[in-house]
Amino acid sequence: MKLPPTTQEIRQFVNDGRSDEVAFAALVDRLLESPHYGEHWARHWLDVVRYADSSGFANDWERPNAWRYRDYVIRAFNDDKPFDLFILEQ
């Protein structure tokens, strides 16, 4: 799934024969079930905690296992982990 929606996805939504409320609820459910949901929202959290795969400009050493934290955060969003548990695990 791409963001913004494709032309086909827009047509599918517009031509949905169900009521607007039901069609919208189905769309929201589909978007929440997508793995891209976690990827999208994890970016914001990773920015807050200053996540990076390397040390940066002057000392550009790789952090070979940093991906594990990134993937954990994505899974936490996709699994709808309670925020208080997420913070405790940090």
Protein backbone atom coordinates (compact mmCIF):
# COMPACT_ATOMS: atom_id res chain seq x y z
CA MET A 1 0.00 0.00 0.00
CA LYS A 2 1.29 3.41 -0.92
CA LEU A 3 0.52 6.74 0.65
CA PRO A 4 -1.25 8.70 -0.79
CA PRO A 5 -3.79 6.21 -2.11
CA THR A 6 -3.59 4.99 -5.68
CA THR A 7 -6.24 5.85 -8.25
CA GLN A 8 -7.57 2.29 -7.96
CA GLU A 9 -7.89 2.58 -4.16
CA ILE A 10 -9.78 5.86 -4.52
CA ARG A 11 -12.18 4.33 -7.07
CA GLN A 12 -12.70 1.33 -4.81
CA PHE A 13 -13.61 3.59 -1.90
CA VAL A 14 -15.85 5.91 -3.93
CA ASN A 15 -17.69 3.01 -5.56
CA ASP A 16 -18.17 1.08 -2.33
CA GLY A 17 -21.89 0.34 -2.16
CA ARG A 18 -22.02 0.36 1.63
CA SER A 19 -22.91 3.40 3.70
CA ASP A 20 -20.21 6.04 4.10
CA GLU A 21 -19.72 5.12 7.76
CA VAL A 22 -19.21 1.42 7.01
CA ALA A 23 -16.96 2.09 4.01
CA PHE A 24 -14.85 4.54 6.02
CA ALA A 25 -14.57 2.12 8.96
CA ALA A 26 -13.44 -0.63 6.58
CA LEU A 27 -10.83 1.69 5.08
CA VAL A 28 -9.49 2.65 8.51
CA ASP A 29 -9.30 -0.99 9.55
CA ARG A 30 -7.41 -1.88 6.37
CA LEU A 31 -4.93 0.94 6.92
CA LEU A 32 -4.37 0.00 10.57
CA GLU A 33 -3.68 -3.62 9.58
CA SER A 34 -0.99 -2.58 7.11
CA PRO A 35 2.66 -2.96 8.20
CA HIS A 36 3.18 0.52 6.77
CA TYR A 37 1.20 1.91 9.72
CA GLY A 38 3.98 0.96 12.13
CA GLU A 39 6.67 2.17 9.76
CA HIS A 40 4.99 5.56 9.43
CA TRP A 41 4.45 6.22 13.14
CA ALA A 42 7.73 4.67 14.25
CA ARG A 43 9.58 7.32 12.27
CA HIS A 44 8.23 10.00 14.58
CA TRP A 45 9.26 8.10 17.72
CA LEU A 46 12.69 7.31 16.28
CA ASP A 47 13.19 11.01 15.56
CA VAL A 48 12.36 11.85 19.19
CA VAL A 49 14.90 9.35 20.54
CA ARG A 50 17.44 10.41 17.90
CA TYR A 51 17.77 6.98 16.35
CA ALA A 52 20.48 6.60 13.72
CA ASP A 53 22.26 3.74 11.97
CA SER A 54 25.59 5.53 12.38
CA SER A 55 27.19 8.04 14.73
CA GLY A 56 26.90 10.91 12.30
CA PHE A 57 29.08 13.36 10.42
CA ALA A 58 32.36 13.65 12.34
CA ASN A 59 32.42 10.16 13.85
CA ASP A 60 30.58 8.12 11.27
CA TRP A 61 30.88 4.70 12.86
CA GLU A 62 28.21 2.19 12.04
CA ARG A 63 25.99 0.80 14.75
CA PRO A 64 25.57 -2.74 13.42
CA ASN A 65 22.72 -3.78 15.72
CA ALA A 66 20.74 -0.53 15.71
CA TRP A 67 18.19 -2.07 13.33
CA ARG A 68 16.94 -4.27 16.18
CA TYR A 69 15.63 -1.24 18.08
CA ARG A 70 14.09 0.24 14.92
CA ASP A 71 12.27 -3.02 14.16
CA TYR A 72 11.12 -3.30 17.79
CA VAL A 73 9.52 0.15 17.62
CA ILE A 74 7.78 -0.69 14.31
CA ARG A 75 6.44 -3.94 15.80
CA ALA A 76 5.24 -2.09 18.92
CA PHE A 77 3.13 0.26 16.80
CA ASN A 78 1.82 -2.52 14.56
CA ASP A 79 0.94 -4.67 17.58
CA ASP A 80 -0.80 -1.73 19.29
CA LYS A 81 1.38 -2.14 22.36
CA PRO A 82 0.05 -0.10 25.31
CA PHE A 83 2.05 3.10 25.69
CA ASP A 84 2.87 2.56 29.36
CA LEU A 85 4.34 -0.87 28.57
CA PHE A 86 6.22 0.55 25.61
CA ILE A 87 7.79 3.21 27.84
CA LEU A 88 8.69 0.67 30.54
CA GLU A 89 10.43 -1.48 27.97
CA GLN A 90 12.52 1.48 26.85
